Amino acid sequence: MPTILCVSDEWSLRFEDLRALDESGFTVVTATSAGEALERFSSGEVEAVLVNRSLPDMNVDDLAWQLKAKSPDLPIIMLSRQMPKAGETSNCIDAVLACNLTTGLLVPTIEVLLSTAEWREEVASDTVPLAA
């Protein structure tokens, strides 16, 4: 089953959210900083990332950019106490969920983003460059 990397130094996900991920068949690994997240991601077994809007050692947009540079189709979901205004997050963030509204939305959001990423990978592998 897919592995979800959850990154936060002040845990934004409630216990019931982590349990919902587990009950839905996801493997959950955690990191408390961007540096630790990059280490865990380099293991090669992470299929999606949940990240808190505020990290102690790096801007969340910078972390998302570094992860997307290594894996462009990696779904990244930012959790925030306040929803950002338009233009406040980079295009590397695929979805934003309010911390108090994750129950019921978290698992379906991850499933949709994972299915979209898989579809993009299939299309990319089936694509043949046009001859000049």
Protein backbone atom coordinates (compact mmCIF):
# COMPACT_ATOMS: atom_id res chain seq x y z
CA MET A 1 0.00 0.00 0.00
CA PRO A 2 1.12 3.58 -0.53
CA THR A 3 3.35 5.24 2.03
CA ILE A 4 2.40 8.71 3.21
CA LEU A 5 5.09 10.95 4.69
CA CYS A 6 3.62 13.29 7.34
CA VAL A 7 5.83 16.29 8.14
CA SER A 8 5.19 18.54 11.12
CA ASP A 9 6.99 19.75 14.22
CA GLU A 10 3.68 20.64 15.90
CA TRP A 11 1.48 17.84 14.82
CA SER A 12 -1.42 19.14 12.73
CA LEU A 13 -3.00 15.77 12.11
CA ARG A 14 -5.24 14.53 14.84
CA PHE A 15 -5.00 10.95 16.05
CA GLU A 16 -8.22 10.07 14.23
CA ASP A 17 -6.74 11.33 10.95
CA LEU A 18 -3.69 9.10 11.35
CA ARG A 19 -5.96 6.21 12.26
CA ALA A 20 -8.10 6.89 9.16
CA LEU A 21 -4.98 6.72 6.98
CA ASP A 22 -3.95 3.46 8.64
CA GLU A 23 -7.44 1.94 8.32
CA SER A 24 -7.50 2.92 4.64
CA GLY A 25 -4.38 0.84 4.08
CA PHE A 26 -1.76 3.58 3.95
CA THR A 27 1.59 3.21 5.66
CA VAL A 28 2.36 6.37 7.63
CA VAL A 29 5.90 7.61 8.29
CA THR A 30 6.61 10.86 10.09
CA ALA A 31 9.22 13.59 10.10
CA THR A 32 9.49 16.61 12.40
CA SER A 33 11.52 18.84 10.06
CA ALA A 34 12.11 19.45 6.37
CA GLY A 35 15.60 17.97 6.65
CA GLU A 36 14.25 14.78 8.16
CA ALA A 37 11.51 14.70 5.50
CA LEU A 38 14.10 14.90 2.70
CA GLU A 39 16.03 12.02 4.30
CA ARG A 40 12.93 9.86 4.59
CA PHE A 41 11.88 10.73 1.04
CA SER A 42 15.26 9.67 -0.32
CA SER A 43 14.49 6.11 0.84
CA GLY A 44 12.31 5.89 -2.27
CA GLU A 45 9.18 4.49 -0.68
CA VAL A 46 7.06 7.63 -0.24
CA GLU A 47 4.06 8.06 -2.58
CA ALA A 48 2.52 11.23 -1.06
CA VAL A 49 3.40 13.94 1.46
CA LEU A 50 1.29 15.73 4.06
CA VAL A 51 3.07 18.79 5.36
CA ASN A 52 2.27 21.39 7.98
CA ARG A 53 2.24 24.97 6.70
CA SER A 54 4.95 25.99 9.17
CA LEU A 55 8.22 24.08 9.58
CA PRO A 56 11.13 25.04 11.85
CA ASP A 57 13.97 24.66 9.36
CA MET A 58 12.59 25.46 5.91
CA ASN A 59 9.75 27.22 4.14
CA VAL A 60 7.11 24.67 3.12
CA ASP A 61 7.22 25.92 -0.49
CA ASP A 62 10.98 25.30 -0.60
CA LEU A 63 10.48 21.76 0.72
CA ALA A 64 7.73 21.11 -1.83
CA TRP A 65 9.94 22.44 -4.63
CA GLN A 66 12.83 20.15 -3.61
CA LEU A 67 10.53 17.12 -3.43
CA LYS A 68 8.91 17.90 -6.80
CA ALA A 69 12.36 18.37 -8.37
CA LYS A 70 13.07 14.74 -7.49
CA SER A 71 9.57 13.41 -8.18
CA PRO A 72 7.34 15.76 -10.24
CA ASP A 73 4.19 13.64 -9.83
CA LEU A 74 4.51 13.34 -6.04
CA PRO A 75 1.24 14.54 -4.45
CA ILE A 76 1.88 17.15 -1.74
CA ILE A 77 -0.92 18.24 0.58
CA MET A 78 -0.41 21.18 2.91
CA LEU A 79 -2.31 21.34 6.20
CA SER A 80 -2.99 24.78 7.59
CA ARG A 81 -4.89 26.32 10.48
CA GLN A 82 -5.82 29.19 8.14
CA MET A 83 -6.47 28.74 4.47
CA PRO A 84 -3.91 30.66 2.40
CA LYS A 85 -4.99 33.43 0.09
CA ALA A 86 -4.63 33.02 -3.66
CA GLY A 87 -0.97 33.13 -4.63
CA GLU A 88 0.36 32.45 -1.12
CA THR A 89 1.48 28.92 -1.95
CA SER A 90 3.64 27.64 -4.76
CA ASN A 91 2.33 25.52 -7.59
CA CYS A 92 4.26 22.61 -6.03
CA ILE A 93 1.47 22.21 -3.46
CA ASP A 94 -1.28 20.04 -4.96
CA ALA A 95 -3.94 20.59 -2.29
CA VAL A 96 -4.50 22.56 0.91
CA LEU A 97 -6.71 21.29 3.74
CA ALA A 98 -7.73 23.19 6.84
CA CYS A 99 -6.55 21.30 9.92
CA ASN A 100 -10.00 21.31 11.49
CA LEU A 101 -11.63 19.91 8.33
CA THR A 102 -9.34 16.98 7.55
CA THR A 103 -11.70 14.28 8.85
CA GLY A 104 -13.58 12.91 5.89
CA LEU A 105 -11.50 14.84 3.35
CA LEU A 106 -7.99 13.59 3.95
CA VAL A 107 -8.24 10.03 2.62
CA PRO A 108 -10.33 10.90 -0.48
CA THR A 109 -7.98 13.80 -1.31
CA ILE A 110 -4.93 11.52 -1.12
CA GLU A 111 -6.67 8.83 -3.20
CA VAL A 112 -7.59 11.30 -5.95
CA LEU A 113 -4.11 12.79 -6.06
CA LEU A 114 -2.48 9.35 -6.13
CA SER A 115 -4.74 8.18 -8.96
CA THR A 116 -3.94 11.35 -10.92
CA ALA A 117 -0.19 10.81 -10.39
CA GLU A 118 -0.48 7.17 -11.53
CA TRP A 119 -2.42 8.26 -14.61
CA ARG A 120 0.27 10.83 -15.48
CA GLU A 121 2.99 8.17 -15.12
CA GLU A 122 1.08 5.77 -17.41
CA VAL A 123 0.58 8.45 -20.05
CA ALA A 124 4.24 9.48 -19.86
CA SER A 125 5.42 5.87 -20.27
CA ASP A 126 3.11 5.33 -23.27
CA THR A 127 4.06 8.57 -25.00
CA VAL A 128 6.27 8.34 -28.04
CA PRO A 129 8.03 11.53 -29.16
CA LEU A 130 6.95 12.83 -32.54
CA ALA A 131 9.52 12.60 -35.29
CA ALA A 132 10.82 15.95 -36.49
